[in-house]
Amino acid sequence: MFGFLLWLVLLLVCWPLALLALVLYPVCWLLTLPFRLIGIGVEGLFALLRAVVLLPARMLGGGSRR
């Protein structure tokens, strides 16, 4: 909601810049989407490696205690 209010203030002060921001936001989102997908994949890979490395300790009963 705060972002929308800021956009309305920008629209009142400088409407060409506000319209440019409105048009460029989806373009920027689409350009960063592949990097987010790569980040999700790398995070999953590190989680898998961590699970494989910690598997012997978990099998011997050294799991996390909550």
PDB file of N, CA and C in Angstrom:
ATOM      1  N   MET A   1       0.824  -1.188   0.000  1.00  0.00           N
ATOM      2  CA  MET A   1       0.000   0.000   0.000  1.00  0.00           C
ATOM      3  C   MET A   1       0.875   1.262   0.000  1.00  0.00           C
ATOM      4  N   PHE A   2       1.974   1.204   0.768  1.00  0.00           N
ATOM      5  CA  PHE A   2       2.878   2.347   0.841  1.00  0.00           C
ATOM      6  C   PHE A   2       3.519   2.629  -0.515  1.00  0.00           C
ATOM      7  N   GLY A   3       3.865   1.559  -1.216  1.00  0.00           N
ATOM      8  CA  GLY A   3       4.461   1.724  -2.549  1.00  0.00           C
ATOM      9  C   GLY A   3       3.485   2.377  -3.524  1.00  0.00           C
ATOM     10  N   PHE A   4       2.225   2.012  -3.400  1.00  0.00           N
ATOM     11  CA  PHE A   4       1.207   2.620  -4.264  1.00  0.00           C
ATOM     12  C   PHE A   4       1.051   4.103  -3.963  1.00  0.00           C
ATOM     13  N   LEU A   5       1.090   4.465  -2.699  1.00  0.00           N
ATOM     14  CA  LEU A   5       0.993   5.876  -2.330  1.00  0.00           C
ATOM     15  C   LEU A   5       2.197   6.664  -2.842  1.00  0.00           C
ATOM     16  N   LEU A   6       3.386   6.052  -2.753  1.00  0.00           N
ATOM     17  CA  LEU A   6       4.575   6.710  -3.302  1.00  0.00           C
ATOM     18  C   LEU A   6       4.455   6.904  -4.812  1.00  0.00           C
ATOM     19  N   TRP A   7       3.880   5.907  -5.483  1.00  0.00           N
ATOM     20  CA  TRP A   7       3.701   6.025  -6.919  1.00  0.00           C
ATOM     21  C   TRP A   7       2.713   7.147  -7.248  1.00  0.00           C
ATOM     22  N   LEU A   8       1.655   7.297  -6.454  1.00  0.00           N
ATOM     23  CA  LEU A   8       0.699   8.382  -6.679  1.00  0.00           C
ATOM     24  C   LEU A   8       1.342   9.749  -6.477  1.00  0.00           C
ATOM     25  N   VAL A   9       2.202   9.871  -5.460  1.00  0.00           N
ATOM     26  CA  VAL A   9       2.916  11.136  -5.251  1.00  0.00           C
ATOM     27  C   VAL A   9       3.829  11.414  -6.432  1.00  0.00           C
ATOM     28  N   LEU A  10       4.520  10.383  -6.916  1.00  0.00           N
ATOM     29  CA  LEU A  10       5.380  10.545  -8.085  1.00  0.00           C
ATOM     30  C   LEU A  10       4.553  10.927  -9.301  1.00  0.00           C
ATOM     31  N   LEU A  11       3.353  10.372  -9.417  1.00  0.00           N
ATOM     32  CA  LEU A  11       2.473  10.706 -10.531  1.00  0.00           C
ATOM     33  C   LEU A  11       2.080  12.181 -10.487  1.00  0.00           C
ATOM     34  N   LEU A  12       1.815  12.682  -9.302  1.00  0.00           N
ATOM     35  CA  LEU A  12       1.442  14.096  -9.177  1.00  0.00           C
ATOM     36  C   LEU A  12       2.624  15.027  -9.428  1.00  0.00           C
ATOM     37  N   VAL A  13       3.805  14.636  -8.978  1.00  0.00           N
ATOM     38  CA  VAL A  13       4.974  15.502  -9.100  1.00  0.00           C
ATOM     39  C   VAL A  13       5.561  15.439 -10.506  1.00  0.00           C
ATOM     40  N   CYS A  14       5.740  14.244 -11.007  1.00  0.00           N
ATOM     41  CA  CYS A  14       6.393  14.080 -12.316  1.00  0.00           C
ATOM     42  C   CYS A  14       5.746  12.900 -13.034  1.00  0.00           C
ATOM     43  N   TRP A  15       4.664  13.157 -13.754  1.00  0.00           N
ATOM     44  CA  TRP A  15       3.903  12.066 -14.337  1.00  0.00           C
ATOM     45  C   TRP A  15       4.650  11.285 -15.418  1.00  0.00           C
ATOM     46  N   PRO A  16       5.558  11.870 -16.232  1.00  0.00           N
ATOM     47  CA  PRO A  16       6.271  11.023 -17.208  1.00  0.00           C
ATOM     48  C   PRO A  16       7.168   9.978 -16.529  1.00  0.00           C
ATOM     49  N   LEU A  17       7.818  10.368 -15.434  1.00  0.00           N
ATOM     50  CA  LEU A  17       8.674   9.430 -14.712  1.00  0.00           C
ATOM     51  C   LEU A  17       7.843   8.323 -14.074  1.00  0.00           C
ATOM     52  N   ALA A  18       6.659   8.680 -13.574  1.00  0.00           N
ATOM     53  CA  ALA A  18       5.783   7.680 -12.974  1.00  0.00           C
ATOM     54  C   ALA A  18       5.300   6.674 -14.019  1.00  0.00           C
ATOM     55  N   LEU A  19       4.941   7.152 -15.187  1.00  0.00           N
ATOM     56  CA  LEU A  19       4.499   6.236 -16.246  1.00  0.00           C
ATOM     57  C   LEU A  19       5.648   5.368 -16.747  1.00  0.00           C
ATOM     58  N   LEU A  20       6.845   5.938 -16.797  1.00  0.00           N
ATOM     59  CA  LEU A  20       8.021   5.158 -17.198  1.00  0.00           C
ATOM     60  C   LEU A  20       8.297   4.051 -16.177  1.00  0.00           C
ATOM     61  N   ALA A  21       8.169   4.389 -14.889  1.00  0.00           N
ATOM     62  CA  ALA A  21       8.363   3.380 -13.847  1.00  0.00           C
ATOM     63  C   ALA A  21       7.298   2.293 -13.941  1.00  0.00           C
ATOM     64  N   LEU A  22       6.081   2.677 -14.265  1.00  0.00           N
ATOM     65  CA  LEU A  22       4.991   1.706 -14.394  1.00  0.00           C
ATOM     66  C   LEU A  22       5.235   0.749 -15.553  1.00  0.00           C
ATOM     67  N   VAL A  23       5.837   1.243 -16.633  1.00  0.00           N
ATOM     68  CA  VAL A  23       6.108   0.403 -17.797  1.00  0.00           C
ATOM     69  C   VAL A  23       7.353  -0.451 -17.581  1.00  0.00           C
ATOM     70  N   LEU A  24       8.382   0.098 -16.937  1.00  0.00           N
ATOM     71  CA  LEU A  24       9.650  -0.623 -16.801  1.00  0.00           C
ATOM     72  C   LEU A  24       9.651  -1.659 -15.688  1.00  0.00           C
ATOM     73  N   TYR A  25       8.742  -1.557 -14.713  1.00  0.00           N
ATOM     74  CA  TYR A  25       8.733  -2.520 -13.611  1.00  0.00           C
ATOM     75  C   TYR A  25       8.531  -3.967 -14.095  1.00  0.00           C
ATOM     76  N   PRO A  26       7.542  -4.251 -14.960  1.00  0.00           N
ATOM     77  CA  PRO A  26       7.417  -5.643 -15.440  1.00  0.00           C
ATOM     78  C   PRO A  26       8.615  -6.110 -16.264  1.00  0.00           C
ATOM     79  N   VAL A  27       9.227  -5.178 -17.004  1.00  0.00           N
ATOM     80  CA  VAL A  27      10.402  -5.545 -17.807  1.00  0.00           C
ATOM     81  C   VAL A  27      11.559  -5.945 -16.880  1.00  0.00           C
ATOM     82  N   CYS A  28      11.779  -5.162 -15.836  1.00  0.00           N
ATOM     83  CA  CYS A  28      12.841  -5.496 -14.874  1.00  0.00           C
ATOM     84  C   CYS A  28      12.541  -6.818 -14.178  1.00  0.00           C
ATOM     85  N   TRP A  29      11.277  -7.043 -13.846  1.00  0.00           N
ATOM     86  CA  TRP A  29      10.894  -8.302 -13.188  1.00  0.00           C
ATOM     87  C   TRP A  29      11.186  -9.484 -14.101  1.00  0.00           C
ATOM     88  N   LEU A  30      10.874  -9.351 -15.384  1.00  0.00           N
ATOM     89  CA  LEU A  30      11.136 -10.439 -16.327  1.00  0.00           C
ATOM     90  C   LEU A  30      12.631 -10.660 -16.534  1.00  0.00           C
ATOM     91  N   LEU A  31      13.420  -9.583 -16.515  1.00  0.00           N
ATOM     92  CA  LEU A  31      14.863  -9.736 -16.691  1.00  0.00           C
ATOM     93  C   LEU A  31      15.524 -10.415 -15.496  1.00  0.00           C
ATOM     94  N   THR A  32      15.004 -10.204 -14.289  1.00  0.00           N
ATOM     95  CA  THR A  32      15.608 -10.813 -13.102  1.00  0.00           C
ATOM     96  C   THR A  32      15.066 -12.210 -12.803  1.00  0.00           C
ATOM     97  N   LEU A  33      14.024 -12.627 -13.493  1.00  0.00           N
ATOM     98  CA  LEU A  33      13.428 -13.941 -13.236  1.00  0.00           C
ATOM     99  C   LEU A  33      14.414 -15.098 -13.430  1.00  0.00           C
ATOM    100  N   PRO A  34      15.222 -15.135 -14.503  1.00  0.00           N
ATOM    101  CA  PRO A  34      16.177 -16.244 -14.632  1.00  0.00           C
ATOM    102  C   PRO A  34      17.185 -16.312 -13.486  1.00  0.00           C
ATOM    103  N   PHE A  35      17.609 -15.150 -12.988  1.00  0.00           N
ATOM    104  CA  PHE A  35      18.559 -15.153 -11.877  1.00  0.00           C
ATOM    105  C   PHE A  35      17.915 -15.701 -10.607  1.00  0.00           C
ATOM    106  N   ARG A  36      16.630 -15.409 -10.411  1.00  0.00           N
ATOM    107  CA  ARG A  36      15.932 -15.964  -9.251  1.00  0.00           C
ATOM    108  C   ARG A  36      15.798 -17.480  -9.375  1.00  0.00           C
ATOM    109  N   LEU A  37      15.510 -17.955 -10.580  1.00  0.00           N
ATOM    110  CA  LEU A  37      15.388 -19.402 -10.784  1.00  0.00           C
ATOM    111  C   LEU A  37      16.733 -20.097 -10.575  1.00  0.00           C
ATOM    112  N   ILE A  38      17.809 -19.487 -11.041  1.00  0.00           N
ATOM    113  CA  ILE A  38      19.144 -20.045 -10.808  1.00  0.00           C
ATOM    114  C   ILE A  38      19.439 -20.066  -9.311  1.00  0.00           C
ATOM    115  N   GLY A  39      19.064 -19.015  -8.602  1.00  0.00           N
ATOM    116  CA  GLY A  39      19.272 -18.961  -7.151  1.00  0.00           C
ATOM    117  C   GLY A  39      18.519 -20.056  -6.423  1.00  0.00           C
ATOM    118  N   ILE A  40      17.291 -20.347  -6.852  1.00  0.00           N
ATOM    119  CA  ILE A  40      16.523 -21.423  -6.232  1.00  0.00           C
ATOM    120  C   ILE A  40      17.206 -22.764  -6.479  1.00  0.00           C
ATOM    121  N   GLY A  41      17.712 -22.956  -7.693  1.00  0.00           N
ATOM    122  CA  GLY A  41      18.401 -24.214  -8.012  1.00  0.00           C
ATOM    123  C   GLY A  41      19.683 -24.386  -7.212  1.00  0.00           C
ATOM    124  N   VAL A  42      20.460 -23.328  -7.087  1.00  0.00           N
ATOM    125  CA  VAL A  42      21.715 -23.399  -6.325  1.00  0.00           C
ATOM    126  C   VAL A  42      21.418 -23.645  -4.844  1.00  0.00           C
ATOM    127  N   GLU A  43      20.379 -23.002  -4.324  1.00  0.00           N
ATOM    128  CA  GLU A  43      20.001 -23.228  -2.929  1.00  0.00           C
ATOM    129  C   GLU A  43      19.585 -24.683  -2.698  1.00  0.00           C
ATOM    130  N   GLY A  44      18.859 -25.250  -3.646  1.00  0.00           N
ATOM    131  CA  GLY A  44      18.485 -26.658  -3.551  1.00  0.00           C
ATOM    132  C   GLY A  44      19.690 -27.582  -3.618  1.00  0.00           C
ATOM    133  N   LEU A  45      20.643 -27.255  -4.469  1.00  0.00           N
ATOM    134  CA  LEU A  45      21.862 -28.061  -4.584  1.00  0.00           C
ATOM    135  C   LEU A  45      22.651 -28.039  -3.278  1.00  0.00           C
ATOM    136  N   PHE A  46      22.786 -26.856  -2.670  1.00  0.00           N
ATOM    137  CA  PHE A  46      23.498 -26.770  -1.391  1.00  0.00           C
ATOM    138  C   PHE A  46      22.761 -27.514  -0.282  1.00  0.00           C
ATOM    139  N   ALA A  47      21.433 -27.494  -0.292  1.00  0.00           N
ATOM    140  CA  ALA A  47      20.659 -28.248   0.694  1.00  0.00           C
ATOM    141  C   ALA A  47      20.885 -29.753   0.513  1.00  0.00           C
ATOM    142  N   LEU A  48      20.953 -30.208  -0.739  1.00  0.00           N
ATOM    143  CA  LEU A  48      21.220 -31.620  -1.005  1.00  0.00           C
ATOM    144  C   LEU A  48      22.618 -32.014  -0.546  1.00  0.00           C
ATOM    145  N   LEU A  49      23.616 -31.183  -0.844  1.00  0.00           N
ATOM    146  CA  LEU A  49      24.986 -31.479  -0.408  1.00  0.00           C
ATOM    147  C   LEU A  49      25.087 -31.510   1.115  1.00  0.00           C
ATOM    148  N   ARG A  50      24.407 -30.588   1.775  1.00  0.00           N
ATOM    149  CA  ARG A  50      24.418 -30.563   3.243  1.00  0.00           C
ATOM    150  C   ARG A  50      23.778 -31.832   3.806  1.00  0.00           C
ATOM    151  N   ALA A  51      22.686 -32.268   3.188  1.00  0.00           N
ATOM    152  CA  ALA A  51      22.025 -33.479   3.654  1.00  0.00           C
ATOM    153  C   ALA A  51      22.910 -34.704   3.463  1.00  0.00           C
ATOM    154  N   VAL A  52      23.633 -34.763   2.336  1.00  0.00           N
ATOM    155  CA  VAL A  52      24.510 -35.906   2.071  1.00  0.00           C
ATOM    156  C   VAL A  52      25.686 -35.916   3.042  1.00  0.00           C
ATOM    157  N   VAL A  53      26.251 -34.745   3.322  1.00  0.00           N
ATOM    158  CA  VAL A  53      27.398 -34.677   4.229  1.00  0.00           C
ATOM    159  C   VAL A  53      26.998 -35.021   5.656  1.00  0.00           C
ATOM    160  N   LEU A  54      25.822 -34.584   6.069  1.00  0.00           N
ATOM    161  CA  LEU A  54      25.382 -34.821   7.448  1.00  0.00           C
ATOM    162  C   LEU A  54      24.664 -36.153   7.644  1.00  0.00           C
ATOM    163  N   LEU A  55      24.483 -36.923   6.571  1.00  0.00           N
ATOM    164  CA  LEU A  55      23.764 -38.196   6.693  1.00  0.00           C
ATOM    165  C   LEU A  55      24.444 -39.174   7.648  1.00  0.00           C
ATOM    166  N   PRO A  56      25.760 -39.369   7.605  1.00  0.00           N
ATOM    167  CA  PRO A  56      26.361 -40.317   8.552  1.00  0.00           C
ATOM    168  C   PRO A  56      26.137 -39.926  10.012  1.00  0.00           C
ATOM    169  N   ALA A  57      26.215 -38.649  10.327  1.00  0.00           N
ATOM    170  CA  ALA A  57      25.995 -38.213  11.698  1.00  0.00           C
ATOM    171  C   ALA A  57      24.550 -38.441  12.118  1.00  0.00           C
ATOM    172  N   ARG A  58      23.638 -38.225  11.211  1.00  0.00           N
ATOM    173  CA  ARG A  58      22.220 -38.451  11.538  1.00  0.00           C
ATOM    174  C   ARG A  58      21.929 -39.939  11.738  1.00  0.00           C
ATOM    175  N   MET A  59      22.620 -40.774  10.948  1.00  0.00           N
ATOM    176  CA  MET A  59      22.408 -42.223  11.085  1.00  0.00           C
ATOM    177  C   MET A  59      22.947 -42.739  12.417  1.00  0.00           C
ATOM    178  N   LEU A  60      23.992 -42.090  12.943  1.00  0.00           N
ATOM    179  CA  LEU A  60      24.562 -42.506  14.218  1.00  0.00           C
ATOM    180  C   LEU A  60      23.846 -41.871  15.418  1.00  0.00           C
ATOM    181  N   GLY A  61      22.824 -41.083  15.160  1.00  0.00           N
ATOM    182  CA  GLY A  61      22.037 -40.520  16.251  1.00  0.00           C
ATOM    183  C   GLY A  61      22.444 -39.124  16.672  1.00  0.00           C
ATOM    184  N   GLY A  62      23.184 -38.439  15.861  1.00  0.00           N
ATOM    185  CA  GLY A  62      23.616 -37.091  16.201  1.00  0.00           C
ATOM    186  C   GLY A  62      22.765 -36.023  15.558  1.00  0.00           C
ATOM    187  N   GLY A  63      21.489 -36.315  15.351  1.00  0.00           N
ATOM    188  CA  GLY A  63      20.594 -35.349  14.686  1.00  0.00           C
ATOM    189  C   GLY A  63      20.366 -34.115  15.531  1.00  0.00           C
ATOM    190  N   SER A  64      19.712 -33.162  14.947  1.00  0.00           N
ATOM    191  CA  SER A  64      19.459 -31.896  15.649  1.00  0.00           C
ATOM    192  C   SER A  64      18.481 -32.132  16.797  1.00  0.00           C
ATOM    193  N   ARG A  65      18.776 -31.515  17.917  1.00  0.00           N
ATOM    194  CA  ARG A  65      17.912 -31.632  19.092  1.00  0.00           C
ATOM    195  C   ARG A  65      17.160 -30.330  19.271  1.00  0.00           C
ATOM    196  N   ARG A  66      15.856 -30.418  19.273  1.00  0.00           N
ATOM    197  CA  ARG A  66      15.038 -29.197  19.372  1.00  0.00           C
ATOM    198  C   ARG A  66      14.403 -29.109  20.726  1.00  0.00           C
TER     199      ARG A  66
END
